[in-house]
Amino acid sequence: MTTRRLLLAIPLAALFLAIIGPAIVDHALLVYAVPEMQTQFLRAYNPEPVFARFRDSRYSSTVSGGNSAGAGRGFATHSKTVDQEFVMHDSDRAALMTVLHQGMASLLTGTGAQILENSGNDHDGFHVRYMAGKSTGTVIIKPPAPVANAGRHLRHPLYPGEEDVSVQLSIEETWYKSGIPVSPLESSLLGPKDKS
């Protein structure tokens, strides 16, 4: 009788493990995002002082955006978005973009991040890829875009040379539990490893 039970229990146990096993492994490999996984750059970056320098204080402004985080298999993600709408002098567009870009790049290097790619310009916006510790990240700064029907929510008409614009920034980071994965191409660019 016990042999029959054993013969029945083995396939049931195997079936149970086949169904539940992947979920257990998946749960064990899942990395939940916690604030300590964010780079110093992500925690410290705040473009508000730059916007304040270029904002015309006679008009109100709006800020939207936020932070989010996600869990993954062997990694966790964090992101920050900022969408700032304000009135500025149209002749200051390039200066605004330059100051945003330089401030962001300076904070990246100042917090120990290594900039891997830095492309774009004042007219088209900027795209920056970086790595710091076990994290890789991307910063996108979009150029000021005119707000459609700006006059509908402003208390008085814009003065000559002024425009209501929206500037969007996004930062996305991925923290890897086992360190940043290196592709074969990136490995060859790093050069041979010292075997001593």
C-alpha atoms as a PDB file:
ATOM      1  CA  MET A   1       0.000   0.000   0.000  1.00  0.00           C
ATOM      2  CA  THR A   2       2.802   2.439   0.802  1.00  0.00           C
ATOM      3  CA  THR A   3       4.504   1.653  -2.500  1.00  0.00           C
ATOM      4  CA  ARG A   4       1.332   2.652  -4.350  1.00  0.00           C
ATOM      5  CA  ARG A   5       1.142   5.892  -2.399  1.00  0.00           C
ATOM      6  CA  LEU A   6       4.798   6.559  -3.096  1.00  0.00           C
ATOM      7  CA  LEU A   7       4.305   5.872  -6.813  1.00  0.00           C
ATOM      8  CA  LEU A   8       1.377   8.267  -6.824  1.00  0.00           C
ATOM      9  CA  ALA A   9       3.152  10.902  -4.691  1.00  0.00           C
ATOM     10  CA  ILE A  10       6.256  11.118  -6.910  1.00  0.00           C
ATOM     11  CA  PRO A  11       4.400  12.213 -10.093  1.00  0.00           C
ATOM     12  CA  LEU A  12       2.220  14.583  -8.063  1.00  0.00           C
ATOM     13  CA  ALA A  13       5.294  16.146  -6.441  1.00  0.00           C
ATOM     14  CA  ALA A  14       6.973  16.444  -9.856  1.00  0.00           C
ATOM     15  CA  LEU A  15       3.846  18.064 -11.294  1.00  0.00           C
ATOM     16  CA  PHE A  16       3.645  20.429  -8.324  1.00  0.00           C
ATOM     17  CA  LEU A  17       7.303  21.442  -8.740  1.00  0.00           C
ATOM     18  CA  ALA A  18       6.856  21.872 -12.502  1.00  0.00           C
ATOM     19  CA  ILE A  19       3.957  24.246 -11.908  1.00  0.00           C
ATOM     20  CA  ILE A  20       5.176  26.088  -8.801  1.00  0.00           C
ATOM     21  CA  GLY A  21       8.955  25.846  -9.337  1.00  0.00           C
ATOM     22  CA  PRO A  22       9.255  28.584 -11.979  1.00  0.00           C
ATOM     23  CA  ALA A  23       7.212  30.961  -9.826  1.00  0.00           C
ATOM     24  CA  ILE A  24       9.497  30.304  -6.853  1.00  0.00           C
ATOM     25  CA  VAL A  25      12.626  30.865  -8.971  1.00  0.00           C
ATOM     26  CA  ASP A  26      11.107  33.972 -10.546  1.00  0.00           C
ATOM     27  CA  HIS A  27      10.247  35.382  -7.124  1.00  0.00           C
ATOM     28  CA  ALA A  28      13.756  34.637  -5.839  1.00  0.00           C
ATOM     29  CA  LEU A  29      15.321  36.507  -8.785  1.00  0.00           C
ATOM     30  CA  LEU A  30      12.940  39.469  -8.608  1.00  0.00           C
ATOM     31  CA  VAL A  31      14.640  42.660  -7.455  1.00  0.00           C
ATOM     32  CA  TYR A  32      12.381  45.235  -5.842  1.00  0.00           C
ATOM     33  CA  ALA A  33      13.329  48.898  -6.274  1.00  0.00           C
ATOM     34  CA  VAL A  34      14.369  50.725  -3.119  1.00  0.00           C
ATOM     35  CA  PRO A  35      15.662  54.310  -2.825  1.00  0.00           C
ATOM     36  CA  GLU A  36      19.182  53.098  -1.957  1.00  0.00           C
ATOM     37  CA  MET A  37      19.482  51.749  -5.533  1.00  0.00           C
ATOM     38  CA  GLN A  38      19.128  55.235  -7.021  1.00  0.00           C
ATOM     39  CA  THR A  39      22.323  57.008  -8.008  1.00  0.00           C
ATOM     40  CA  GLN A  40      23.319  60.157  -6.151  1.00  0.00           C
ATOM     41  CA  PHE A  41      22.601  62.005  -9.394  1.00  0.00           C
ATOM     42  CA  LEU A  42      18.972  60.865  -9.577  1.00  0.00           C
ATOM     43  CA  ARG A  43      18.360  61.713  -5.934  1.00  0.00           C
ATOM     44  CA  ALA A  44      19.970  65.168  -6.232  1.00  0.00           C
ATOM     45  CA  TYR A  45      18.925  66.384  -9.679  1.00  0.00           C
ATOM     46  CA  ASN A  46      16.502  69.311  -9.542  1.00  0.00           C
ATOM     47  CA  PRO A  47      16.197  71.637 -12.566  1.00  0.00           C
ATOM     48  CA  GLU A  48      13.869  74.102 -10.779  1.00  0.00           C
ATOM     49  CA  PRO A  49      16.594  76.718 -10.049  1.00  0.00           C
ATOM     50  CA  VAL A  50      17.444  76.802 -13.775  1.00  0.00           C
ATOM     51  CA  PHE A  51      13.808  77.271 -14.763  1.00  0.00           C
ATOM     52  CA  ALA A  52      13.472  80.036 -12.165  1.00  0.00           C
ATOM     53  CA  ARG A  53      16.338  81.947 -13.821  1.00  0.00           C
ATOM     54  CA  PHE A  54      14.562  81.998 -17.194  1.00  0.00           C
ATOM     55  CA  ARG A  55      10.921  82.231 -16.080  1.00  0.00           C
ATOM     56  CA  ASP A  56       9.124  85.578 -16.445  1.00  0.00           C
ATOM     57  CA  SER A  57       7.805  86.143 -12.925  1.00  0.00           C
ATOM     58  CA  ARG A  58       4.842  88.198 -14.171  1.00  0.00           C
ATOM     59  CA  TYR A  59       3.159  84.948 -15.212  1.00  0.00           C
ATOM     60  CA  SER A  60       2.284  81.812 -13.343  1.00  0.00           C
ATOM     61  CA  SER A  61       3.907  78.525 -14.236  1.00  0.00           C
ATOM     62  CA  THR A  62       2.975  74.875 -13.864  1.00  0.00           C
ATOM     63  CA  VAL A  63       5.062  71.851 -12.992  1.00  0.00           C
ATOM     64  CA  SER A  64       4.099  68.245 -13.440  1.00  0.00           C
ATOM     65  CA  GLY A  65       5.981  64.994 -13.411  1.00  0.00           C
ATOM     66  CA  GLY A  66       7.030  62.570 -10.769  1.00  0.00           C
ATOM     67  CA  ASN A  67       9.061  59.565  -9.788  1.00  0.00           C
ATOM     68  CA  SER A  68       8.417  55.900 -10.394  1.00  0.00           C
ATOM     69  CA  ALA A  69      10.133  52.590  -9.717  1.00  0.00           C
ATOM     70  CA  GLY A  70       9.782  49.025 -10.912  1.00  0.00           C
ATOM     71  CA  ALA A  71      10.934  45.531 -10.084  1.00  0.00           C
ATOM     72  CA  GLY A  72      12.597  43.196 -12.553  1.00  0.00           C
ATOM     73  CA  ARG A  73      14.350  39.869 -12.830  1.00  0.00           C
ATOM     74  CA  GLY A  74      17.856  40.712 -11.642  1.00  0.00           C
ATOM     75  CA  PHE A  75      17.330  44.470 -11.923  1.00  0.00           C
ATOM     76  CA  ALA A  76      15.221  47.361 -10.665  1.00  0.00           C
ATOM     77  CA  THR A  77      14.293  50.616 -12.386  1.00  0.00           C
ATOM     78  CA  HIS A  78      13.801  54.196 -11.234  1.00  0.00           C
ATOM     79  CA  SER A  79      12.639  57.162 -13.258  1.00  0.00           C
ATOM     80  CA  LYS A  80      12.001  60.851 -12.801  1.00  0.00           C
ATOM     81  CA  THR A  81      10.084  63.154 -15.147  1.00  0.00           C
ATOM     82  CA  VAL A  82       9.658  66.909 -15.114  1.00  0.00           C
ATOM     83  CA  ASP A  83       7.310  68.875 -17.357  1.00  0.00           C
ATOM     84  CA  GLN A  84       7.653  72.596 -16.693  1.00  0.00           C
ATOM     85  CA  GLU A  85       5.404  75.131 -18.424  1.00  0.00           C
ATOM     86  CA  PHE A  86       6.302  78.817 -18.125  1.00  0.00           C
ATOM     87  CA  VAL A  87       6.664  82.099 -20.001  1.00  0.00           C
ATOM     88  CA  MET A  88      10.148  83.080 -21.108  1.00  0.00           C
ATOM     89  CA  HIS A  89      11.866  85.397 -23.591  1.00  0.00           C
ATOM     90  CA  ASP A  90      12.160  83.534 -26.877  1.00  0.00           C
ATOM     91  CA  SER A  91      15.733  84.818 -27.298  1.00  0.00           C
ATOM     92  CA  ASP A  92      16.736  82.823 -24.172  1.00  0.00           C
ATOM     93  CA  ARG A  93      15.866  79.378 -25.581  1.00  0.00           C
ATOM     94  CA  ALA A  94      19.451  78.391 -26.420  1.00  0.00           C
ATOM     95  CA  ALA A  95      20.772  79.712 -23.115  1.00  0.00           C
ATOM     96  CA  LEU A  96      18.134  77.739 -21.173  1.00  0.00           C
ATOM     97  CA  MET A  97      19.079  74.520 -22.957  1.00  0.00           C
ATOM     98  CA  THR A  98      22.797  75.141 -22.454  1.00  0.00           C
ATOM     99  CA  VAL A  99      22.394  75.763 -18.723  1.00  0.00           C
ATOM    100  CA  LEU A 100      20.126  72.708 -18.279  1.00  0.00           C
ATOM    101  CA  HIS A 101      22.600  70.500 -20.154  1.00  0.00           C
ATOM    102  CA  GLN A 102      25.722  71.815 -18.430  1.00  0.00           C
ATOM    103  CA  GLY A 103      24.160  71.627 -14.975  1.00  0.00           C
ATOM    104  CA  MET A 104      23.000  68.060 -15.550  1.00  0.00           C
ATOM    105  CA  ALA A 105      26.387  66.945 -16.968  1.00  0.00           C
ATOM    106  CA  SER A 106      28.250  68.660 -14.135  1.00  0.00           C
ATOM    107  CA  LEU A 107      26.105  66.950 -11.498  1.00  0.00           C
ATOM    108  CA  LEU A 108      26.570  63.582 -13.205  1.00  0.00           C
ATOM    109  CA  THR A 109      30.361  63.789 -13.133  1.00  0.00           C
ATOM    110  CA  GLY A 110      30.350  65.461  -9.721  1.00  0.00           C
ATOM    111  CA  THR A 111      28.471  62.517  -8.226  1.00  0.00           C
ATOM    112  CA  GLY A 112      30.881  59.988  -9.721  1.00  0.00           C
ATOM    113  CA  ALA A 113      28.955  58.914 -12.814  1.00  0.00           C
ATOM    114  CA  GLN A 114      30.733  58.206 -16.080  1.00  0.00           C
ATOM    115  CA  ILE A 115      29.117  59.748 -19.164  1.00  0.00           C
ATOM    116  CA  LEU A 116      29.059  57.147 -21.960  1.00  0.00           C
ATOM    117  CA  GLU A 117      27.258  59.177 -24.618  1.00  0.00           C
ATOM    118  CA  ASN A 118      26.456  62.864 -24.787  1.00  0.00           C
ATOM    119  CA  SER A 119      24.633  63.939 -27.926  1.00  0.00           C
ATOM    120  CA  GLY A 120      22.311  66.683 -29.068  1.00  0.00           C
ATOM    121  CA  ASN A 121      22.244  70.448 -29.212  1.00  0.00           C
ATOM    122  CA  ASP A 122      20.349  73.502 -27.962  1.00  0.00           C
ATOM    123  CA  HIS A 123      17.868  73.338 -30.828  1.00  0.00           C
ATOM    124  CA  ASP A 124      17.007  69.619 -30.878  1.00  0.00           C
ATOM    125  CA  GLY A 125      17.527  68.700 -27.232  1.00  0.00           C
ATOM    126  CA  PHE A 126      20.009  66.442 -25.470  1.00  0.00           C
ATOM    127  CA  HIS A 127      20.383  62.714 -24.904  1.00  0.00           C
ATOM    128  CA  VAL A 128      22.911  61.506 -22.314  1.00  0.00           C
ATOM    129  CA  ARG A 129      23.746  57.930 -21.320  1.00  0.00           C
ATOM    130  CA  TYR A 130      25.727  57.264 -18.146  1.00  0.00           C
ATOM    131  CA  MET A 131      26.767  54.612 -15.665  1.00  0.00           C
ATOM    132  CA  ALA A 132      27.445  54.806 -11.951  1.00  0.00           C
ATOM    133  CA  GLY A 133      28.157  51.850  -9.695  1.00  0.00           C
ATOM    134  CA  LYS A 134      25.694  49.089 -10.586  1.00  0.00           C
ATOM    135  CA  SER A 135      23.418  51.482 -12.529  1.00  0.00           C
ATOM    136  CA  THR A 136      23.048  52.698 -16.073  1.00  0.00           C
ATOM    137  CA  GLY A 137      20.900  55.670 -16.952  1.00  0.00           C
ATOM    138  CA  THR A 138      19.585  57.939 -19.654  1.00  0.00           C
ATOM    139  CA  VAL A 139      18.716  61.624 -19.472  1.00  0.00           C
ATOM    140  CA  ILE A 140      16.591  63.260 -22.170  1.00  0.00           C
ATOM    141  CA  ILE A 141      16.100  67.017 -22.237  1.00  0.00           C
ATOM    142  CA  LYS A 142      13.605  68.124 -24.868  1.00  0.00           C
ATOM    143  CA  PRO A 143      13.821  71.662 -26.258  1.00  0.00           C
ATOM    144  CA  PRO A 144      11.213  74.249 -25.253  1.00  0.00           C
ATOM    145  CA  ALA A 145       8.020  73.651 -27.222  1.00  0.00           C
ATOM    146  CA  PRO A 146       5.426  76.382 -27.675  1.00  0.00           C
ATOM    147  CA  VAL A 147       2.215  75.802 -25.725  1.00  0.00           C
ATOM    148  CA  ALA A 148      -0.833  75.731 -27.985  1.00  0.00           C
ATOM    149  CA  ASN A 149      -3.451  78.380 -27.171  1.00  0.00           C
ATOM    150  CA  ALA A 150      -1.255  79.912 -24.496  1.00  0.00           C
ATOM    151  CA  GLY A 151      -3.494  82.965 -24.110  1.00  0.00           C
ATOM    152  CA  ARG A 152      -6.434  80.958 -22.820  1.00  0.00           C
ATOM    153  CA  HIS A 153      -4.948  80.431 -19.355  1.00  0.00           C
ATOM    154  CA  LEU A 154      -2.739  83.510 -18.988  1.00  0.00           C
ATOM    155  CA  ARG A 155      -4.178  86.477 -17.112  1.00  0.00           C
ATOM    156  CA  HIS A 156      -2.895  89.006 -19.649  1.00  0.00           C
ATOM    157  CA  PRO A 157      -1.436  88.840 -23.164  1.00  0.00           C
ATOM    158  CA  LEU A 158       2.204  88.036 -23.697  1.00  0.00           C
ATOM    159  CA  TYR A 159       4.608  90.913 -24.195  1.00  0.00           C
ATOM    160  CA  PRO A 160       6.542  91.109 -27.466  1.00  0.00           C
ATOM    161  CA  GLY A 161       9.389  88.591 -27.556  1.00  0.00           C
ATOM    162  CA  GLU A 162       7.819  86.308 -24.947  1.00  0.00           C
ATOM    163  CA  GLU A 163       6.340  82.866 -25.373  1.00  0.00           C
ATOM    164  CA  ASP A 164       4.663  80.245 -23.247  1.00  0.00           C
ATOM    165  CA  VAL A 165       6.733  77.054 -23.486  1.00  0.00           C
ATOM    166  CA  SER A 166       6.841  73.551 -22.110  1.00  0.00           C
ATOM    167  CA  VAL A 167      10.166  71.879 -21.305  1.00  0.00           C
ATOM    168  CA  GLN A 168      10.266  68.144 -20.632  1.00  0.00           C
ATOM    169  CA  LEU A 169      13.043  66.190 -18.953  1.00  0.00           C
ATOM    170  CA  SER A 170      13.215  62.501 -18.195  1.00  0.00           C
ATOM    171  CA  ILE A 171      15.726  60.351 -16.347  1.00  0.00           C
ATOM    172  CA  GLU A 172      15.582  56.567 -16.406  1.00  0.00           C
ATOM    173  CA  GLU A 173      17.932  54.348 -14.440  1.00  0.00           C
ATOM    174  CA  THR A 174      18.395  50.600 -14.200  1.00  0.00           C
ATOM    175  CA  TRP A 175      20.178  49.073 -11.200  1.00  0.00           C
ATOM    176  CA  TYR A 176      21.595  45.575 -11.756  1.00  0.00           C
ATOM    177  CA  LYS A 177      21.903  43.162  -8.837  1.00  0.00           C
ATOM    178  CA  SER A 178      24.983  41.457 -10.347  1.00  0.00           C
ATOM    179  CA  GLY A 179      26.514  44.615 -11.785  1.00  0.00           C
ATOM    180  CA  ILE A 180      26.125  46.216 -15.191  1.00  0.00           C
ATOM    181  CA  PRO A 181      26.055  43.594 -17.957  1.00  0.00           C
ATOM    182  CA  VAL A 182      28.769  44.187 -20.550  1.00  0.00           C
ATOM    183  CA  SER A 183      28.080  43.341 -24.190  1.00  0.00           C
ATOM    184  CA  PRO A 184      30.894  41.758 -26.262  1.00  0.00           C
ATOM    185  CA  LEU A 185      31.269  45.025 -28.237  1.00  0.00           C
ATOM    186  CA  GLU A 186      31.649  47.109 -25.075  1.00  0.00           C
ATOM    187  CA  SER A 187      34.061  44.522 -23.669  1.00  0.00           C
ATOM    188  CA  SER A 188      36.299  44.808 -26.741  1.00  0.00           C
ATOM    189  CA  LEU A 189      36.257  48.603 -26.426  1.00  0.00           C
ATOM    190  CA  LEU A 190      37.435  48.346 -22.814  1.00  0.00           C
ATOM    191  CA  GLY A 191      40.573  46.518 -23.955  1.00  0.00           C
ATOM    192  CA  PRO A 192      42.169  43.282 -22.733  1.00  0.00           C
ATOM    193  CA  LYS A 193      41.902  42.340 -19.098  1.00  0.00           C
ATOM    194  CA  ASP A 194      45.077  42.221 -17.048  1.00  0.00           C
ATOM    195  CA  LYS A 195      45.660  38.527 -16.208  1.00  0.00           C
ATOM    196  CA  SER A 196      48.304  39.066 -13.556  1.00  0.00           C
END
